[in-house]
Amino acid sequence: MRILVMPKMKLAHIRPEIYGNFSEHLGRCIYGGVYVGENSPIPNVNGMRTDVVEALRHIR
């Protein structure tokens, strides 16, 4: 197999909106991480940690 890379040849524009982030139910990424439940002493809105939501807003 051979791959030819031609960086100066533009075939198409890749829209920046297709890039993003995701959170997956791995370990404590969601439960105990992003989602703490509405009755948690950690500041939250509908169970979602407000500090994490604010930090995610700044990711570009």
Protein backbone atom coordinates (compact mmCIF):
# COMPACT_ATOMS: atom_id res chain seq x y z
CA MET A 1 0.00 0.00 0.00
CA ARG A 2 1.22 3.48 -0.79
CA ILE A 3 -0.04 6.79 0.59
CA LEU A 4 0.69 10.03 -1.23
CA VAL A 5 0.51 13.20 0.87
CA MET A 6 0.26 16.49 -1.00
CA PRO A 7 -0.13 19.20 1.67
CA LYS A 8 -0.35 22.08 -0.83
CA MET A 9 -3.23 20.49 -2.70
CA LYS A 10 -6.56 21.51 -1.15
CA LEU A 11 -9.38 19.06 -1.80
CA ALA A 12 -11.99 20.37 0.62
CA HIS A 13 -12.59 22.64 3.58
CA ILE A 14 -13.02 20.87 6.92
CA ARG A 15 -15.52 22.78 9.02
CA PRO A 16 -14.25 23.51 12.56
CA GLU A 17 -17.69 22.64 13.96
CA ILE A 18 -17.06 18.93 13.40
CA TYR A 19 -14.36 18.91 16.06
CA GLY A 20 -15.48 18.57 19.64
CA ASN A 21 -15.23 16.77 22.92
CA PHE A 22 -17.03 13.90 24.50
CA SER A 23 -17.45 12.39 27.90
CA GLU A 24 -17.87 8.69 28.26
CA HIS A 25 -19.03 6.54 31.13
CA LEU A 26 -15.47 5.46 32.03
CA GLY A 27 -14.46 5.14 35.65
CA ARG A 28 -15.50 8.37 37.30
CA CYS A 29 -15.68 10.55 34.20
CA ILE A 30 -19.46 10.92 34.47
CA TYR A 31 -20.62 9.68 37.89
CA GLY A 32 -18.53 11.38 40.55
CA GLY A 33 -16.91 13.50 37.86
CA VAL A 34 -19.22 15.58 35.66
CA TYR A 35 -22.46 14.30 37.19
CA VAL A 36 -22.70 14.37 40.99
CA GLY A 37 -26.47 14.30 41.50
CA GLU A 38 -28.78 17.09 42.57
CA ASN A 39 -28.31 16.44 46.30
CA SER A 40 -24.51 16.67 46.20
CA PRO A 41 -22.70 19.24 48.37
CA ILE A 42 -20.65 20.06 45.24
CA PRO A 43 -22.19 23.09 43.45
CA ASN A 44 -24.32 21.79 40.58
CA VAL A 45 -27.26 22.49 38.31
CA ASN A 46 -29.52 19.49 37.73
CA GLY A 47 -26.71 17.28 39.04
CA MET A 48 -24.08 18.60 36.61
CA ARG A 49 -21.06 20.17 38.34
CA THR A 50 -21.00 23.89 37.66
CA ASP A 51 -17.19 24.09 37.78
CA VAL A 52 -16.83 21.39 35.14
CA VAL A 53 -19.48 22.95 32.89
CA GLU A 54 -17.72 26.32 33.16
CA ALA A 55 -14.33 24.76 32.35
CA LEU A 56 -15.80 23.02 29.29
CA ARG A 57 -17.12 26.36 28.00
CA HIS A 58 -13.54 27.57 27.61
CA ILE A 59 -12.37 24.64 25.47
CA ARG A 60 -11.90 25.59 21.85
